[in-house]
Amino acid sequence: YGNSLHAVLVGIVVPEVDTVVKLVKSLGIPRLDIVELCQHGEVVAAMHKDIVRMCKAAGLHSFEMVKPIILHPKPFSVGKRLTPQV
């Protein structure tokens, strides 16, 4: 959430396109572009479910797991500004 009023971890995930395509096929979702898929509720929910499964398998506590996730279609890079200037 980006503020101190919410006590949960937020995850920003840049999924691999191949992974999203496989997921979309398994969910029966029509193939959309990667930007639309990153905003699709079923895709986000399925990716979050998989992240939670991996966290539990690794023995993480609930407070160590991301609650909401945001799927971002473009990879991060050092040269791009992803945060506001202070």
PDB file of N, CA and C in Angstrom:
ATOM      1  N   TYR A   1       0.814  -1.192   0.000  1.00  0.00           N
ATOM      2  CA  TYR A   1       0.000   0.000   0.000  1.00  0.00           C
ATOM      3  C   TYR A   1       0.856   1.254   0.000  1.00  0.00           C
ATOM      4  N   GLY A   2       2.052   1.147   0.507  1.00  0.00           N
ATOM      5  CA  GLY A   2       2.950   2.279   0.461  1.00  0.00           C
ATOM      6  C   GLY A   2       2.755   3.285   1.570  1.00  0.00           C
ATOM      7  N   ASN A   3       2.025   2.907   2.619  1.00  0.00           N
ATOM      8  CA  ASN A   3       1.927   3.798   3.772  1.00  0.00           C
ATOM      9  C   ASN A   3       1.907   2.988   5.051  1.00  0.00           C
ATOM     10  N   SER A   4       2.092   3.660   6.165  1.00  0.00           N
ATOM     11  CA  SER A   4       2.229   2.959   7.442  1.00  0.00           C
ATOM     12  C   SER A   4       0.892   2.553   8.050  1.00  0.00           C
ATOM     13  N   LEU A   5      -0.222   2.838   7.401  1.00  0.00           N
ATOM     14  CA  LEU A   5      -1.530   2.470   7.932  1.00  0.00           C
ATOM     15  C   LEU A   5      -1.897   1.020   7.626  1.00  0.00           C
ATOM     16  N   HIS A   6      -1.163   0.390   6.742  1.00  0.00           N
ATOM     17  CA  HIS A   6      -1.401  -1.009   6.397  1.00  0.00           C
ATOM     18  C   HIS A   6      -0.163  -1.820   6.762  1.00  0.00           C
ATOM     19  N   ALA A   7      -0.377  -2.852   7.562  1.00  0.00           N
ATOM     20  CA  ALA A   7       0.754  -3.647   8.048  1.00  0.00           C
ATOM     21  C   ALA A   7       0.911  -4.941   7.252  1.00  0.00           C
ATOM     22  N   VAL A   8       0.992  -4.827   5.939  1.00  0.00           N
ATOM     23  CA  VAL A   8       1.202  -6.009   5.100  1.00  0.00           C
ATOM     24  C   VAL A   8       2.268  -5.709   4.058  1.00  0.00           C
ATOM     25  N   LEU A   9       2.891  -6.767   3.589  1.00  0.00           N
ATOM     26  CA  LEU A   9       3.873  -6.631   2.514  1.00  0.00           C
ATOM     27  C   LEU A   9       3.153  -6.628   1.173  1.00  0.00           C
ATOM     28  N   VAL A  10       3.566  -5.752   0.290  1.00  0.00           N
ATOM     29  CA  VAL A  10       3.021  -5.682  -1.061  1.00  0.00           C
ATOM     30  C   VAL A  10       4.110  -6.158  -2.014  1.00  0.00           C
ATOM     31  N   GLY A  11       3.754  -7.016  -2.938  1.00  0.00           N
ATOM     32  CA  GLY A  11       4.733  -7.520  -3.892  1.00  0.00           C
ATOM     33  C   GLY A  11       4.500  -6.958  -5.284  1.00  0.00           C
ATOM     34  N   ILE A  12       5.567  -6.486  -5.905  1.00  0.00           N
ATOM     35  CA  ILE A  12       5.515  -6.088  -7.313  1.00  0.00           C
ATOM     36  C   ILE A  12       6.261  -7.176  -8.076  1.00  0.00           C
ATOM     37  N   VAL A  13       5.534  -7.873  -8.921  1.00  0.00           N
ATOM     38  CA  VAL A  13       6.065  -9.050  -9.605  1.00  0.00           C
ATOM     39  C   VAL A  13       6.124  -8.780 -11.105  1.00  0.00           C
ATOM     40  N   VAL A  14       7.269  -9.060 -11.699  1.00  0.00           N
ATOM     41  CA  VAL A  14       7.409  -8.979 -13.156  1.00  0.00           C
ATOM     42  C   VAL A  14       7.440 -10.425 -13.659  1.00  0.00           C
ATOM     43  N   PRO A  15       6.290 -10.917 -14.141  1.00  0.00           N
ATOM     44  CA  PRO A  15       6.244 -12.316 -14.563  1.00  0.00           C
ATOM     45  C   PRO A  15       6.910 -12.525 -15.922  1.00  0.00           C
ATOM     46  N   GLU A  16       7.430 -13.723 -16.116  1.00  0.00           N
ATOM     47  CA  GLU A  16       7.970 -14.082 -17.424  1.00  0.00           C
ATOM     48  C   GLU A  16       6.792 -14.334 -18.360  1.00  0.00           C
ATOM     49  N   VAL A  17       6.882 -13.825 -19.562  1.00  0.00           N
ATOM     50  CA  VAL A  17       5.782 -13.925 -20.522  1.00  0.00           C
ATOM     51  C   VAL A  17       5.400 -15.383 -20.761  1.00  0.00           C
ATOM     52  N   ASP A  18       6.383 -16.271 -20.910  1.00  0.00           N
ATOM     53  CA  ASP A  18       6.094 -17.693 -21.148  1.00  0.00           C
ATOM     54  C   ASP A  18       5.283 -18.296 -20.008  1.00  0.00           C
ATOM     55  N   THR A  19       5.603 -17.910 -18.790  1.00  0.00           N
ATOM     56  CA  THR A  19       4.879 -18.411 -17.622  1.00  0.00           C
ATOM     57  C   THR A  19       3.432 -17.939 -17.647  1.00  0.00           C
ATOM     58  N   VAL A  20       3.230 -16.679 -17.982  1.00  0.00           N
ATOM     59  CA  VAL A  20       1.872 -16.126 -18.044  1.00  0.00           C
ATOM     60  C   VAL A  20       1.075 -16.799 -19.156  1.00  0.00           C
ATOM     61  N   VAL A  21       1.694 -17.043 -20.295  1.00  0.00           N
ATOM     62  CA  VAL A  21       1.004 -17.698 -21.411  1.00  0.00           C
ATOM     63  C   VAL A  21       0.542 -19.099 -21.002  1.00  0.00           C
ATOM     64  N   LYS A  22       1.399 -19.859 -20.328  1.00  0.00           N
ATOM     65  CA  LYS A  22       1.021 -21.202 -19.855  1.00  0.00           C
ATOM     66  C   LYS A  22      -0.124 -21.119 -18.852  1.00  0.00           C
ATOM     67  N   LEU A  23      -0.050 -20.152 -17.951  1.00  0.00           N
ATOM     68  CA  LEU A  23      -1.092 -19.976 -16.942  1.00  0.00           C
ATOM     69  C   LEU A  23      -2.424 -19.630 -17.598  1.00  0.00           C
ATOM     70  N   VAL A  24      -2.397 -18.723 -18.551  1.00  0.00           N
ATOM     71  CA  VAL A  24      -3.609 -18.296 -19.252  1.00  0.00           C
ATOM     72  C   VAL A  24      -4.261 -19.479 -19.965  1.00  0.00           C
ATOM     73  N   LYS A  25      -3.451 -20.317 -20.602  1.00  0.00           N
ATOM     74  CA  LYS A  25      -3.986 -21.505 -21.276  1.00  0.00           C
ATOM     75  C   LYS A  25      -4.653 -22.432 -20.273  1.00  0.00           C
ATOM     76  N   SER A  26      -4.006 -22.646 -19.122  1.00  0.00           N
ATOM     77  CA  SER A  26      -4.564 -23.560 -18.124  1.00  0.00           C
ATOM     78  C   SER A  26      -5.850 -23.015 -17.498  1.00  0.00           C
ATOM     79  N   LEU A  27      -5.994 -21.696 -17.452  1.00  0.00           N
ATOM     80  CA  LEU A  27      -7.195 -21.078 -16.884  1.00  0.00           C
ATOM     81  C   LEU A  27      -8.298 -20.878 -17.921  1.00  0.00           C
ATOM     82  N   GLY A  28      -7.974 -21.087 -19.197  1.00  0.00           N
ATOM     83  CA  GLY A  28      -8.962 -20.906 -20.253  1.00  0.00           C
ATOM     84  C   GLY A  28      -9.294 -19.447 -20.529  1.00  0.00           C
ATOM     85  N   ILE A  29      -8.351 -18.570 -20.266  1.00  0.00           N
ATOM     86  CA  ILE A  29      -8.538 -17.139 -20.506  1.00  0.00           C
ATOM     87  C   ILE A  29      -8.091 -16.841 -21.934  1.00  0.00           C
ATOM     88  N   PRO A  30      -8.870 -16.035 -22.655  1.00  0.00           N
ATOM     89  CA  PRO A  30      -8.435 -15.681 -24.010  1.00  0.00           C
ATOM     90  C   PRO A  30      -7.083 -14.978 -23.972  1.00  0.00           C
ATOM     91  N   ARG A  31      -6.281 -15.223 -24.975  1.00  0.00           N
ATOM     92  CA  ARG A  31      -4.941 -14.621 -25.009  1.00  0.00           C
ATOM     93  C   ARG A  31      -5.056 -13.126 -25.270  1.00  0.00           C
ATOM     94  N   LEU A  32      -4.565 -12.352 -24.318  1.00  0.00           N
ATOM     95  CA  LEU A  32      -4.540 -10.897 -24.409  1.00  0.00           C
ATOM     96  C   LEU A  32      -3.083 -10.474 -24.426  1.00  0.00           C
ATOM     97  N   ASP A  33      -2.823  -9.183 -24.559  1.00  0.00           N
ATOM     98  CA  ASP A  33      -1.425  -8.766 -24.484  1.00  0.00           C
ATOM     99  C   ASP A  33      -0.969  -8.787 -23.024  1.00  0.00           C
ATOM    100  N   ILE A  34       0.329  -8.721 -22.805  1.00  0.00           N
ATOM    101  CA  ILE A  34       0.904  -8.889 -21.470  1.00  0.00           C
ATOM    102  C   ILE A  34       0.420  -7.813 -20.499  1.00  0.00           C
ATOM    103  N   VAL A  35       0.181  -6.600 -20.982  1.00  0.00           N
ATOM    104  CA  VAL A  35      -0.310  -5.528 -20.104  1.00  0.00           C
ATOM    105  C   VAL A  35      -1.698  -5.882 -19.579  1.00  0.00           C
ATOM    106  N   GLU A  36      -2.580  -6.336 -20.467  1.00  0.00           N
ATOM    107  CA  GLU A  36      -3.936  -6.718 -20.057  1.00  0.00           C
ATOM    108  C   GLU A  36      -3.914  -7.933 -19.134  1.00  0.00           C
ATOM    109  N   LEU A  37      -3.044  -8.887 -19.424  1.00  0.00           N
ATOM    110  CA  LEU A  37      -2.959 -10.080 -18.584  1.00  0.00           C
ATOM    111  C   LEU A  37      -2.464  -9.744 -17.183  1.00  0.00           C
ATOM    112  N   CYS A  38      -1.561  -8.778 -17.068  1.00  0.00           N
ATOM    113  CA  CYS A  38      -1.046  -8.378 -15.754  1.00  0.00           C
ATOM    114  C   CYS A  38      -2.112  -7.686 -14.912  1.00  0.00           C
ATOM    115  N   GLN A  39      -3.190  -7.242 -15.547  1.00  0.00           N
ATOM    116  CA  GLN A  39      -4.278  -6.586 -14.828  1.00  0.00           C
ATOM    117  C   GLN A  39      -5.492  -7.494 -14.667  1.00  0.00           C
ATOM    118  N   HIS A  40      -5.441  -8.672 -15.252  1.00  0.00           N
ATOM    119  CA  HIS A  40      -6.569  -9.607 -15.216  1.00  0.00           C
ATOM    120  C   HIS A  40      -6.667 -10.238 -13.825  1.00  0.00           C
ATOM    121  N   GLY A  41      -7.818 -10.124 -13.211  1.00  0.00           N
ATOM    122  CA  GLY A  41      -8.018 -10.605 -11.844  1.00  0.00           C
ATOM    123  C   GLY A  41      -7.680 -12.069 -11.633  1.00  0.00           C
ATOM    124  N   GLU A  42      -8.080 -12.930 -12.566  1.00  0.00           N
ATOM    125  CA  GLU A  42      -7.804 -14.363 -12.422  1.00  0.00           C
ATOM    126  C   GLU A  42      -6.310 -14.658 -12.507  1.00  0.00           C
ATOM    127  N   VAL A  43      -5.618 -13.945 -13.365  1.00  0.00           N
ATOM    128  CA  VAL A  43      -4.171 -14.142 -13.516  1.00  0.00           C
ATOM    129  C   VAL A  43      -3.458 -13.707 -12.241  1.00  0.00           C
ATOM    130  N   VAL A  44      -3.820 -12.534 -11.734  1.00  0.00           N
ATOM    131  CA  VAL A  44      -3.205 -12.028 -10.500  1.00  0.00           C
ATOM    132  C   VAL A  44      -3.478 -12.990  -9.343  1.00  0.00           C
ATOM    133  N   ALA A  45      -4.720 -13.453  -9.218  1.00  0.00           N
ATOM    134  CA  ALA A  45      -5.080 -14.370  -8.128  1.00  0.00           C
ATOM    135  C   ALA A  45      -4.313 -15.688  -8.226  1.00  0.00           C
ATOM    136  N   ALA A  46      -4.188 -16.229  -9.430  1.00  0.00           N
ATOM    137  CA  ALA A  46      -3.466 -17.492  -9.610  1.00  0.00           C
ATOM    138  C   ALA A  46      -1.982 -17.336  -9.296  1.00  0.00           C
ATOM    139  N   MET A  47      -1.393 -16.223  -9.717  1.00  0.00           N
ATOM    140  CA  MET A  47       0.030 -15.986  -9.421  1.00  0.00           C
ATOM    141  C   MET A  47       0.224 -15.810  -7.914  1.00  0.00           C
ATOM    142  N   HIS A  48      -0.690 -15.083  -7.265  1.00  0.00           N
ATOM    143  CA  HIS A  48      -0.587 -14.877  -5.818  1.00  0.00           C
ATOM    144  C   HIS A  48      -0.720 -16.213  -5.081  1.00  0.00           C
ATOM    145  N   LYS A  49      -1.643 -17.044  -5.516  1.00  0.00           N
ATOM    146  CA  LYS A  49      -1.831 -18.360  -4.898  1.00  0.00           C
ATOM    147  C   LYS A  49      -0.548 -19.186  -4.988  1.00  0.00           C
ATOM    148  N   ASP A  50       0.128 -19.129  -6.119  1.00  0.00           N
ATOM    149  CA  ASP A  50       1.375 -19.874  -6.296  1.00  0.00           C
ATOM    150  C   ASP A  50       2.484 -19.315  -5.404  1.00  0.00           C
ATOM    151  N   ILE A  51       2.533 -17.998  -5.272  1.00  0.00           N
ATOM    152  CA  ILE A  51       3.532 -17.376  -4.392  1.00  0.00           C
ATOM    153  C   ILE A  51       3.296 -17.806  -2.948  1.00  0.00           C
ATOM    154  N   VAL A  52       2.038 -17.786  -2.509  1.00  0.00           N
ATOM    155  CA  VAL A  52       1.708 -18.200  -1.142  1.00  0.00           C
ATOM    156  C   VAL A  52       2.080 -19.662  -0.927  1.00  0.00           C
ATOM    157  N   ARG A  53       1.814 -20.514  -1.918  1.00  0.00           N
ATOM    158  CA  ARG A  53       2.174 -21.935  -1.812  1.00  0.00           C
ATOM    159  C   ARG A  53       3.676 -22.097  -1.601  1.00  0.00           C
ATOM    160  N   MET A  54       4.475 -21.347  -2.382  1.00  0.00           N
ATOM    161  CA  MET A  54       5.932 -21.436  -2.253  1.00  0.00           C
ATOM    162  C   MET A  54       6.403 -20.889  -0.904  1.00  0.00           C
ATOM    163  N   CYS A  55       5.769 -19.830  -0.435  1.00  0.00           N
ATOM    164  CA  CYS A  55       6.138 -19.256   0.866  1.00  0.00           C
ATOM    165  C   CYS A  55       5.869 -20.247   1.993  1.00  0.00           C
ATOM    166  N   LYS A  56       4.707 -20.901   1.942  1.00  0.00           N
ATOM    167  CA  LYS A  56       4.371 -21.892   2.971  1.00  0.00           C
ATOM    168  C   LYS A  56       5.333 -23.070   2.920  1.00  0.00           C
ATOM    169  N   ALA A  57       5.680 -23.509   1.712  1.00  0.00           N
ATOM    170  CA  ALA A  57       6.624 -24.619   1.563  1.00  0.00           C
ATOM    171  C   ALA A  57       7.992 -24.261   2.130  1.00  0.00           C
ATOM    172  N   ALA A  58       8.332 -22.972   2.079  1.00  0.00           N
ATOM    173  CA  ALA A  58       9.620 -22.508   2.610  1.00  0.00           C
ATOM    174  C   ALA A  58       9.557 -22.237   4.111  1.00  0.00           C
ATOM    175  N   GLY A  59       8.365 -22.407   4.704  1.00  0.00           N
ATOM    176  CA  GLY A  59       8.232 -22.232   6.146  1.00  0.00           C
ATOM    177  C   GLY A  59       8.070 -20.792   6.607  1.00  0.00           C
ATOM    178  N   LEU A  60       7.668 -19.907   5.712  1.00  0.00           N
ATOM    179  CA  LEU A  60       7.479 -18.513   6.105  1.00  0.00           C
ATOM    180  C   LEU A  60       6.216 -18.356   6.948  1.00  0.00           C
ATOM    181  N   HIS A  61       6.231 -17.384   7.833  1.00  0.00           N
ATOM    182  CA  HIS A  61       5.057 -17.045   8.634  1.00  0.00           C
ATOM    183  C   HIS A  61       4.165 -16.128   7.809  1.00  0.00           C
ATOM    184  N   SER A  62       2.891 -16.027   8.186  1.00  0.00           N
ATOM    185  CA  SER A  62       1.962 -15.218   7.390  1.00  0.00           C
ATOM    186  C   SER A  62       2.398 -13.762   7.289  1.00  0.00           C
ATOM    187  N   PHE A  63       3.016 -13.226   8.349  1.00  0.00           N
ATOM    188  CA  PHE A  63       3.444 -11.826   8.294  1.00  0.00           C
ATOM    189  C   PHE A  63       4.657 -11.622   7.378  1.00  0.00           C
ATOM    190  N   GLU A  64       5.282 -12.705   6.944  1.00  0.00           N
ATOM    191  CA  GLU A  64       6.425 -12.617   6.029  1.00  0.00           C
ATOM    192  C   GLU A  64       6.006 -12.759   4.560  1.00  0.00           C
ATOM    193  N   MET A  65       4.726 -13.024   4.330  1.00  0.00           N
ATOM    194  CA  MET A  65       4.234 -13.254   2.971  1.00  0.00           C
ATOM    195  C   MET A  65       3.576 -12.002   2.413  1.00  0.00           C
ATOM    196  N   VAL A  66       3.721 -11.800   1.100  1.00  0.00           N
ATOM    197  CA  VAL A  66       3.046 -10.671   0.465  1.00  0.00           C
ATOM    198  C   VAL A  66       1.548 -10.934   0.460  1.00  0.00           C
ATOM    199  N   LYS A  67       0.793  -9.906   0.734  1.00  0.00           N
ATOM    200  CA  LYS A  67      -0.669 -10.053   0.706  1.00  0.00           C
ATOM    201  C   LYS A  67      -1.168  -9.679  -0.683  1.00  0.00           C
ATOM    202  N   PRO A  68      -1.204  -8.409  -1.021  1.00  0.00           N
ATOM    203  CA  PRO A  68      -1.565  -8.130  -2.413  1.00  0.00           C
ATOM    204  C   PRO A  68      -0.312  -8.166  -3.282  1.00  0.00           C
ATOM    205  N   ILE A  69      -0.518  -8.521  -4.537  1.00  0.00           N
ATOM    206  CA  ILE A  69       0.585  -8.402  -5.495  1.00  0.00           C
ATOM    207  C   ILE A  69       0.108  -7.562  -6.670  1.00  0.00           C
ATOM    208  N   ILE A  70       1.055  -6.918  -7.284  1.00  0.00           N
ATOM    209  CA  ILE A  70       0.808  -6.150  -8.498  1.00  0.00           C
ATOM    210  C   ILE A  70       1.700  -6.770  -9.565  1.00  0.00           C
ATOM    211  N   LEU A  71       1.106  -7.154 -10.679  1.00  0.00           N
ATOM    212  CA  LEU A  71       1.898  -7.683 -11.782  1.00  0.00           C
ATOM    213  C   LEU A  71       2.281  -6.518 -12.683  1.00  0.00           C
ATOM    214  N   HIS A  72       3.562  -6.389 -12.940  1.00  0.00           N
ATOM    215  CA  HIS A  72       4.082  -5.296 -13.770  1.00  0.00           C
ATOM    216  C   HIS A  72       4.634  -5.911 -15.054  1.00  0.00           C
ATOM    217  N   PRO A  73       4.199  -5.426 -16.213  1.00  0.00           N
ATOM    218  CA  PRO A  73       4.571  -6.076 -17.470  1.00  0.00           C
ATOM    219  C   PRO A  73       5.993  -5.833 -17.958  1.00  0.00           C
ATOM    220  N   LYS A  74       6.661  -4.820 -17.433  1.00  0.00           N
ATOM    221  CA  LYS A  74       7.998  -4.499 -17.945  1.00  0.00           C
ATOM    222  C   LYS A  74       9.062  -4.752 -16.883  1.00  0.00           C
ATOM    223  N   PRO A  75      10.173  -5.360 -17.279  1.00  0.00           N
ATOM    224  CA  PRO A  75      11.257  -5.625 -16.322  1.00  0.00           C
ATOM    225  C   PRO A  75      11.819  -4.330 -15.730  1.00  0.00           C
ATOM    226  N   PHE A  76      12.284  -4.432 -14.495  1.00  0.00           N
ATOM    227  CA  PHE A  76      12.926  -3.302 -13.839  1.00  0.00           C
ATOM    228  C   PHE A  76      14.315  -3.104 -14.429  1.00  0.00           C
ATOM    229  N   SER A  77      14.774  -1.873 -14.432  1.00  0.00           N
ATOM    230  CA  SER A  77      16.146  -1.605 -14.841  1.00  0.00           C
ATOM    231  C   SER A  77      16.672  -0.425 -14.040  1.00  0.00           C
ATOM    232  N   VAL A  78      17.963  -0.344 -13.930  1.00  0.00           N
ATOM    233  CA  VAL A  78      18.605   0.698 -13.140  1.00  0.00           C
ATOM    234  C   VAL A  78      18.322   2.079 -13.715  1.00  0.00           C
ATOM    235  N   GLY A  79      18.275   2.200 -15.027  1.00  0.00           N
ATOM    236  CA  GLY A  79      18.112   3.500 -15.662  1.00  0.00           C
ATOM    237  C   GLY A  79      16.719   4.091 -15.582  1.00  0.00           C
ATOM    238  N   LYS A  80      15.711   3.272 -15.299  1.00  0.00           N
ATOM    239  CA  LYS A  80      14.338   3.768 -15.259  1.00  0.00           C
ATOM    240  C   LYS A  80      13.983   4.211 -13.848  1.00  0.00           C
ATOM    241  N   ARG A  81      13.297   5.320 -13.761  1.00  0.00           N
ATOM    242  CA  ARG A  81      12.840   5.798 -12.454  1.00  0.00           C
ATOM    243  C   ARG A  81      11.503   5.131 -12.139  1.00  0.00           C
ATOM    244  N   LEU A  82      11.473   4.340 -11.087  1.00  0.00           N
ATOM    245  CA  LEU A  82      10.243   3.667 -10.693  1.00  0.00           C
ATOM    246  C   LEU A  82       9.637   4.281  -9.443  1.00  0.00           C
ATOM    247  N   THR A  83      10.326   5.235  -8.861  1.00  0.00           N
ATOM    248  CA  THR A  83       9.812   5.902  -7.670  1.00  0.00           C
ATOM    249  C   THR A  83       9.807   7.409  -7.916  1.00  0.00           C
ATOM    250  N   PRO A  84       8.937   8.127  -7.217  1.00  0.00           N
ATOM    251  CA  PRO A  84       8.923   9.579  -7.407  1.00  0.00           C
ATOM    252  C   PRO A  84      10.190  10.224  -6.871  1.00  0.00           C
ATOM    253  N   GLN A  85      10.569  11.330  -7.487  1.00  0.00           N
ATOM    254  CA  GLN A  85      11.740  12.062  -7.000  1.00  0.00           C
ATOM    255  C   GLN A  85      11.397  12.746  -5.691  1.00  0.00           C
ATOM    256  N   VAL A  86      12.349  12.737  -4.772  1.00  0.00           N
ATOM    257  CA  VAL A  86      12.136  13.385  -3.470  1.00  0.00           C
ATOM    258  C   VAL A  86      12.886  14.684  -3.439  1.00  0.00           C
TER     259      VAL A  86
END
